[in-house]
Amino acid sequence: MKQQEQRNFIRYDALHLLDYVVIDENGDPGDYSMGRTIDVSIDGIKLETSSLLKPGTRLMITVGLEDDLVDLEGRTTHASPHNGRFVSGIGFLRISKEGRRVFTKYVEAFRRRKAKSESGESPDATSSDDSQ
């Protein structure tokens, strides 16, 4: 029997990979690929990819957050090479109300975990906030 999750927030490392489809000028799906999340906010993400996503590129993105899948539409705001890969800023154009609710929980957990890591605390240490 599977144990039920007791934490209020999603773990920091729950969202490293996501998949996306490039949408062309006619609204048709094009290249499919995967990327890795570098940073998140409620309005966008910083995404590492193996190929360049030019500024203005429209994407349909699927993000897996524990048992939830969040589909959203975004557009690249900027992109640059970084260590043999590419880092792009993605601003959200469209996300469902439920998707935004789930994604907001992830952003909060991501920020707390990042702050712990930067302060020297172990990012895997469980605090009372995460064990409710």
N, C-alpha and C. Protein backbone atom coordinates (compact mmCIF):
# COMPACT_ATOMS: atom_id res chain seq x y z
N MET A 1 0.84 -1.18 0.00
CA MET A 1 0.00 0.00 0.00
C MET A 1 0.88 1.25 0.00
N LYS A 2 0.55 2.19 -0.86
CA LYS A 2 1.34 3.41 -0.99
C LYS A 2 1.04 4.36 0.16
N GLN A 3 2.11 4.91 0.76
CA GLN A 3 1.96 5.87 1.85
C GLN A 3 1.52 7.21 1.27
N GLN A 4 0.56 7.87 1.91
CA GLN A 4 0.07 9.15 1.44
C GLN A 4 1.06 10.25 1.80
N GLU A 5 1.26 11.17 0.87
CA GLU A 5 2.16 12.30 1.06
C GLU A 5 1.62 13.22 2.15
N GLN A 6 2.50 13.66 3.08
CA GLN A 6 2.08 14.50 4.19
C GLN A 6 2.62 15.93 4.11
N ARG A 7 3.55 16.20 3.22
CA ARG A 7 4.11 17.55 3.13
C ARG A 7 3.11 18.51 2.51
N ASN A 8 3.17 19.79 2.92
CA ASN A 8 2.32 20.82 2.34
C ASN A 8 2.83 21.28 0.98
N PHE A 9 4.14 21.19 0.76
CA PHE A 9 4.73 21.73 -0.45
C PHE A 9 5.52 20.67 -1.18
N ILE A 10 5.67 20.90 -2.46
CA ILE A 10 6.38 19.99 -3.34
C ILE A 10 7.88 20.16 -3.15
N ARG A 11 8.62 19.08 -3.18
CA ARG A 11 10.07 19.16 -3.01
C ARG A 11 10.71 20.01 -4.11
N TYR A 12 11.80 20.68 -3.75
CA TYR A 12 12.56 21.54 -4.64
C TYR A 12 12.97 20.82 -5.91
N ASP A 13 13.41 19.57 -5.79
CA ASP A 13 13.91 18.85 -6.96
C ASP A 13 12.83 18.10 -7.71
N ALA A 14 11.57 18.34 -7.41
CA ALA A 14 10.48 17.66 -8.10
C ALA A 14 10.37 18.12 -9.55
N LEU A 15 10.85 19.30 -9.84
CA LEU A 15 10.72 19.86 -11.19
C LEU A 15 12.10 20.19 -11.73
N HIS A 16 12.78 19.19 -12.23
CA HIS A 16 14.03 19.47 -12.93
C HIS A 16 13.83 19.38 -14.43
N LEU A 17 13.08 18.39 -14.85
CA LEU A 17 12.86 18.19 -16.28
C LEU A 17 11.43 18.53 -16.65
N LEU A 18 11.28 19.03 -17.86
CA LEU A 18 9.97 19.28 -18.43
C LEU A 18 10.06 19.02 -19.92
N ASP A 19 8.92 18.87 -20.55
CA ASP A 19 8.95 18.73 -22.00
C ASP A 19 8.22 19.90 -22.64
N TYR A 20 8.59 20.17 -23.90
CA TYR A 20 7.97 21.29 -24.60
C TYR A 20 7.88 20.99 -26.09
N VAL A 21 6.94 21.68 -26.71
CA VAL A 21 6.76 21.62 -28.16
C VAL A 21 6.84 23.05 -28.67
N VAL A 22 7.66 23.27 -29.69
CA VAL A 22 7.74 24.59 -30.32
C VAL A 22 6.51 24.76 -31.20
N ILE A 23 5.87 25.91 -31.11
CA ILE A 23 4.68 26.23 -31.92
C ILE A 23 5.10 27.23 -32.99
N ASP A 24 4.82 26.90 -34.25
CA ASP A 24 5.24 27.79 -35.35
C ASP A 24 4.29 28.98 -35.50
N GLU A 25 4.58 29.84 -36.48
CA GLU A 25 3.81 31.07 -36.69
C GLU A 25 2.35 30.79 -36.99
N ASN A 26 2.04 29.61 -37.56
CA ASN A 26 0.67 29.25 -37.91
C ASN A 26 -0.06 28.57 -36.76
N GLY A 27 0.61 28.41 -35.63
CA GLY A 27 0.01 27.74 -34.48
C GLY A 27 0.13 26.23 -34.52
N ASP A 28 0.92 25.70 -35.45
CA ASP A 28 1.10 24.26 -35.58
C ASP A 28 2.28 23.78 -34.74
N PRO A 29 2.15 22.58 -34.14
CA PRO A 29 3.26 22.04 -33.34
C PRO A 29 4.45 21.67 -34.22
N GLY A 30 5.64 21.92 -33.68
CA GLY A 30 6.87 21.60 -34.38
C GLY A 30 7.74 20.68 -33.56
N ASP A 31 8.99 21.09 -33.35
CA ASP A 31 9.96 20.27 -32.62
C ASP A 31 9.52 20.02 -31.19
N TYR A 32 9.74 18.78 -30.76
CA TYR A 32 9.49 18.36 -29.38
C TYR A 32 10.83 18.12 -28.72
N SER A 33 10.99 18.56 -27.47
CA SER A 33 12.23 18.30 -26.75
C SER A 33 11.98 18.40 -25.25
N MET A 34 13.06 18.25 -24.50
CA MET A 34 13.01 18.37 -23.04
C MET A 34 14.01 19.42 -22.60
N GLY A 35 13.76 19.97 -21.42
CA GLY A 35 14.65 20.96 -20.84
C GLY A 35 14.71 20.77 -19.34
N ARG A 36 15.58 21.55 -18.72
CA ARG A 36 15.75 21.49 -17.27
C ARG A 36 15.49 22.87 -16.69
N THR A 37 14.69 22.92 -15.64
CA THR A 37 14.37 24.18 -14.98
C THR A 37 15.55 24.66 -14.16
N ILE A 38 15.94 25.92 -14.36
CA ILE A 38 17.02 26.55 -13.61
C ILE A 38 16.45 27.40 -12.47
N ASP A 39 15.36 28.10 -12.76
CA ASP A 39 14.72 28.98 -11.78
C ASP A 39 13.24 29.09 -12.15
N VAL A 40 12.41 29.42 -11.18
CA VAL A 40 10.98 29.54 -11.43
C VAL A 40 10.42 30.78 -10.75
N SER A 41 9.37 31.31 -11.32
CA SER A 41 8.56 32.35 -10.68
C SER A 41 7.13 32.06 -11.09
N ILE A 42 6.20 32.79 -10.53
CA ILE A 42 4.81 32.55 -10.84
C ILE A 42 4.48 32.95 -12.28
N ASP A 43 5.31 33.80 -12.89
CA ASP A 43 5.05 34.28 -14.25
C ASP A 43 5.97 33.69 -15.30
N GLY A 44 6.93 32.85 -14.90
CA GLY A 44 7.84 32.30 -15.90
C GLY A 44 8.88 31.39 -15.31
N ILE A 45 9.73 30.87 -16.19
CA ILE A 45 10.81 29.98 -15.78
C ILE A 45 12.08 30.32 -16.54
N LYS A 46 13.19 29.94 -15.97
CA LYS A 46 14.46 29.97 -16.68
C LYS A 46 14.74 28.52 -17.03
N LEU A 47 14.95 28.26 -18.32
CA LEU A 47 15.01 26.91 -18.85
C LEU A 47 16.34 26.64 -19.55
N GLU A 48 16.96 25.51 -19.22
CA GLU A 48 18.18 25.07 -19.90
C GLU A 48 17.80 24.02 -20.93
N THR A 49 18.26 24.21 -22.17
CA THR A 49 17.95 23.30 -23.27
C THR A 49 19.21 22.95 -24.05
N SER A 50 19.11 21.90 -24.87
CA SER A 50 20.25 21.52 -25.70
C SER A 50 20.27 22.31 -27.01
N SER A 51 19.13 22.90 -27.42
CA SER A 51 19.11 23.72 -28.62
C SER A 51 18.62 25.12 -28.32
N LEU A 52 19.02 26.03 -29.15
CA LEU A 52 18.68 27.44 -28.97
C LEU A 52 17.19 27.66 -29.23
N LEU A 53 16.55 28.35 -28.31
CA LEU A 53 15.18 28.82 -28.49
C LEU A 53 15.28 30.34 -28.68
N LYS A 54 15.09 30.79 -29.90
CA LYS A 54 15.23 32.21 -30.19
C LYS A 54 14.17 33.02 -29.44
N PRO A 55 14.52 34.25 -29.07
CA PRO A 55 13.53 35.12 -28.42
C PRO A 55 12.27 35.23 -29.29
N GLY A 56 11.12 35.15 -28.63
CA GLY A 56 9.84 35.20 -29.34
C GLY A 56 9.28 33.84 -29.71
N THR A 57 10.04 32.77 -29.47
CA THR A 57 9.56 31.42 -29.79
C THR A 57 8.42 31.05 -28.84
N ARG A 58 7.32 30.58 -29.41
CA ARG A 58 6.17 30.14 -28.61
C ARG A 58 6.31 28.66 -28.29
N LEU A 59 6.00 28.28 -27.05
CA LEU A 59 6.15 26.91 -26.59
C LEU A 59 4.91 26.44 -25.86
N MET A 60 4.57 25.17 -26.04
CA MET A 60 3.60 24.49 -25.19
C MET A 60 4.44 23.62 -24.27
N ILE A 61 4.32 23.83 -22.97
CA ILE A 61 5.18 23.19 -21.97
C ILE A 61 4.33 22.32 -21.06
N THR A 62 4.83 21.13 -20.75
CA THR A 62 4.19 20.27 -19.76
C THR A 62 5.16 20.08 -18.61
N VAL A 63 4.72 20.46 -17.42
CA VAL A 63 5.53 20.38 -16.22
C VAL A 63 4.92 19.32 -15.31
N GLY A 64 5.73 18.38 -14.85
CA GLY A 64 5.27 17.37 -13.91
C GLY A 64 5.58 17.81 -12.50
N LEU A 65 4.54 17.98 -11.68
CA LEU A 65 4.69 18.37 -10.29
C LEU A 65 4.08 17.27 -9.43
N GLU A 66 4.91 16.35 -8.97
CA GLU A 66 4.47 15.17 -8.24
C GLU A 66 3.41 14.46 -9.06
N ASP A 67 2.17 14.35 -8.57
CA ASP A 67 1.14 13.61 -9.30
C ASP A 67 0.38 14.48 -10.29
N ASP A 68 0.70 15.76 -10.40
CA ASP A 68 -0.02 16.67 -11.28
C ASP A 68 0.82 17.01 -12.51
N LEU A 69 0.14 17.13 -13.66
CA LEU A 69 0.77 17.66 -14.86
C LEU A 69 0.15 19.02 -15.13
N VAL A 70 1.01 20.01 -15.34
CA VAL A 70 0.55 21.37 -15.62
C VAL A 70 0.95 21.70 -17.05
N ASP A 71 -0.05 22.00 -17.89
CA ASP A 71 0.21 22.43 -19.26
C ASP A 71 0.11 23.94 -19.31
N LEU A 72 1.07 24.55 -19.97
CA LEU A 72 1.05 26.00 -20.08
C LEU A 72 1.65 26.42 -21.41
N GLU A 73 1.36 27.63 -21.79
CA GLU A 73 1.93 28.20 -23.00
C GLU A 73 2.86 29.32 -22.59
N GLY A 74 4.01 29.39 -23.23
CA GLY A 74 4.98 30.42 -22.92
C GLY A 74 5.67 30.95 -24.16
N ARG A 75 6.42 32.01 -23.97
CA ARG A 75 7.19 32.61 -25.06
C ARG A 75 8.57 32.98 -24.51
N THR A 76 9.61 32.69 -25.30
CA THR A 76 10.96 33.03 -24.85
C THR A 76 11.14 34.54 -24.89
N THR A 77 11.73 35.05 -23.82
CA THR A 77 12.01 36.49 -23.75
C THR A 77 13.46 36.79 -24.07
N HIS A 78 14.33 35.83 -23.77
CA HIS A 78 15.75 35.96 -24.08
C HIS A 78 16.38 34.57 -24.06
N ALA A 79 17.53 34.46 -24.70
CA ALA A 79 18.25 33.18 -24.73
C ALA A 79 19.74 33.46 -24.91
N SER A 80 20.57 32.60 -24.29
CA SER A 80 22.01 32.76 -24.43
C SER A 80 22.70 31.42 -24.24
N PRO A 81 23.87 31.26 -24.87
CA PRO A 81 24.63 30.02 -24.66
C PRO A 81 25.21 29.98 -23.25
N HIS A 82 25.32 28.75 -22.71
CA HIS A 82 25.88 28.58 -21.37
C HIS A 82 26.44 27.17 -21.24
N ASN A 83 27.76 27.05 -21.14
CA ASN A 83 28.44 25.76 -20.95
C ASN A 83 27.99 24.68 -21.94
N GLY A 84 27.95 25.03 -23.21
CA GLY A 84 27.60 24.05 -24.25
C GLY A 84 26.11 23.80 -24.40
N ARG A 85 25.31 24.50 -23.64
CA ARG A 85 23.85 24.39 -23.72
C ARG A 85 23.29 25.81 -23.87
N PHE A 86 21.99 25.95 -23.73
CA PHE A 86 21.37 27.26 -23.86
C PHE A 86 20.43 27.51 -22.70
N VAL A 87 20.39 28.75 -22.22
CA VAL A 87 19.49 29.15 -21.14
C VAL A 87 18.55 30.21 -21.70
N SER A 88 17.26 29.96 -21.50
CA SER A 88 16.23 30.87 -22.01
C SER A 88 15.29 31.29 -20.90
N GLY A 89 14.87 32.54 -20.96
CA GLY A 89 13.81 33.01 -20.09
C GLY A 89 12.49 32.76 -20.79
N ILE A 90 11.53 32.18 -20.09
CA ILE A 90 10.22 31.88 -20.66
C ILE A 90 9.16 32.59 -19.84
N GLY A 91 8.41 33.47 -20.48
CA GLY A 91 7.29 34.13 -19.82
C GLY A 91 6.02 33.38 -20.15
N PHE A 92 5.17 33.16 -19.15
CA PHE A 92 3.93 32.43 -19.38
C PHE A 92 2.92 33.31 -20.11
N LEU A 93 2.29 32.74 -21.12
CA LEU A 93 1.21 33.41 -21.85
C LEU A 93 -0.15 32.92 -21.38
N ARG A 94 -0.22 31.61 -21.08
CA ARG A 94 -1.49 31.02 -20.68
C ARG A 94 -1.23 29.83 -19.77
N ILE A 95 -1.99 29.80 -18.66
CA ILE A 95 -1.94 28.68 -17.73
C ILE A 95 -3.32 28.61 -17.06
N SER A 96 -3.83 27.40 -16.87
CA SER A 96 -5.16 27.26 -16.28
C SER A 96 -5.14 27.71 -14.82
N LYS A 97 -6.33 27.99 -14.28
CA LYS A 97 -6.45 28.39 -12.89
C LYS A 97 -5.90 27.30 -11.97
N GLU A 98 -6.27 26.05 -12.23
CA GLU A 98 -5.77 24.93 -11.43
C GLU A 98 -4.26 24.77 -11.61
N GLY A 99 -3.78 24.93 -12.84
CA GLY A 99 -2.35 24.86 -13.10
C GLY A 99 -1.58 25.93 -12.33
N ARG A 100 -2.12 27.13 -12.28
CA ARG A 100 -1.47 28.22 -11.54
C ARG A 100 -1.45 27.91 -10.04
N ARG A 101 -2.52 27.32 -9.52
CA ARG A 101 -2.56 26.96 -8.09
C ARG A 101 -1.47 25.95 -7.77
N VAL A 102 -1.36 24.91 -8.59
CA VAL A 102 -0.35 23.88 -8.37
C VAL A 102 1.05 24.47 -8.55
N PHE A 103 1.24 25.27 -9.58
CA PHE A 103 2.55 25.85 -9.86
C PHE A 103 2.97 26.81 -8.75
N THR A 104 2.03 27.55 -8.18
CA THR A 104 2.33 28.47 -7.07
C THR A 104 2.91 27.70 -5.89
N LYS A 105 2.35 26.54 -5.58
CA LYS A 105 2.89 25.71 -4.49
C LYS A 105 4.33 25.31 -4.79
N TYR A 106 4.60 24.97 -6.03
CA TYR A 106 5.96 24.59 -6.39
C TYR A 106 6.92 25.77 -6.26
N VAL A 107 6.52 26.94 -6.73
CA VAL A 107 7.38 28.13 -6.65
C VAL A 107 7.74 28.42 -5.20
N GLU A 108 6.78 28.34 -4.30
CA GLU A 108 7.05 28.58 -2.88
C GLU A 108 8.07 27.59 -2.34
N ALA A 109 7.89 26.33 -2.66
CA ALA A 109 8.82 25.30 -2.18
C ALA A 109 10.20 25.49 -2.79
N PHE A 110 10.25 25.83 -4.08
CA PHE A 110 11.51 26.07 -4.78
C PHE A 110 12.30 27.19 -4.10
N ARG A 111 11.63 28.29 -3.79
CA ARG A 111 12.29 29.45 -3.16
C ARG A 111 12.80 29.11 -1.76
N ARG A 112 11.99 28.42 -0.97
CA ARG A 112 12.44 28.03 0.38
C ARG A 112 13.65 27.12 0.30
N ARG A 113 13.60 26.17 -0.58
CA ARG A 113 14.69 25.20 -0.71
C ARG A 113 15.96 25.90 -1.18
N LYS A 114 15.82 26.82 -2.12
CA LYS A 114 16.98 27.56 -2.63
C LYS A 114 17.60 28.41 -1.51
N ALA A 115 16.76 29.05 -0.70
CA ALA A 115 17.25 29.87 0.41
C ALA A 115 18.00 29.01 1.42
N LYS A 116 17.48 27.82 1.72
CA LYS A 116 18.17 26.91 2.64
C LYS A 116 19.53 26.52 2.08
N SER A 117 19.56 26.20 0.81
CA SER A 117 20.80 25.79 0.16
C SER A 117 21.84 26.90 0.21
N GLU A 118 21.40 28.14 -0.07
CA GLU A 118 22.32 29.28 -0.08
C GLU A 118 22.80 29.64 1.32
N SER A 119 22.02 29.31 2.35
CA SER A 119 22.41 29.64 3.72
C SER A 119 23.31 28.56 4.32
N GLY A 120 23.55 27.49 3.56
CA GLY A 120 24.42 26.43 4.05
C GLY A 120 23.70 25.26 4.68
N GLU A 121 22.37 25.38 4.83
CA GLU A 121 21.61 24.26 5.37
C GLU A 121 21.50 23.18 4.29
N SER A 122 21.35 21.97 4.71
CA SER A 122 21.17 20.88 3.77
C SER A 122 19.81 21.03 3.10
N PRO A 123 19.75 21.08 1.72
CA PRO A 123 18.48 21.21 1.04
C PRO A 123 17.57 20.01 1.28
N ASP A 124 18.12 18.87 1.70
CA ASP A 124 17.31 17.68 1.94
C ASP A 124 16.80 17.60 3.36
N ALA A 125 17.24 18.53 4.22
CA ALA A 125 16.78 18.51 5.61
C ALA A 125 15.30 18.85 5.64
N THR A 126 14.55 18.10 6.39
CA THR A 126 13.12 18.33 6.50
C THR A 126 12.86 19.28 7.65
N SER A 127 12.14 20.35 7.37
CA SER A 127 11.76 21.28 8.42
C SER A 127 10.32 21.01 8.79
N SER A 128 9.88 21.63 9.87
CA SER A 128 8.49 21.42 10.29
C SER A 128 7.51 21.94 9.25
N ASP A 129 7.92 22.93 8.42
CA ASP A 129 7.03 23.44 7.37
C ASP A 129 6.76 22.40 6.31
N ASP A 130 7.73 21.53 6.03
CA ASP A 130 7.61 20.56 4.95
C ASP A 130 7.00 19.26 5.40
N SER A 131 6.79 19.06 6.69
CA SER A 131 6.35 17.76 7.16
C SER A 131 4.91 17.76 7.65
N GLN A 132 4.20 18.84 7.42
CA GLN A 132 2.80 18.93 7.88
C GLN A 132 1.91 18.03 7.09
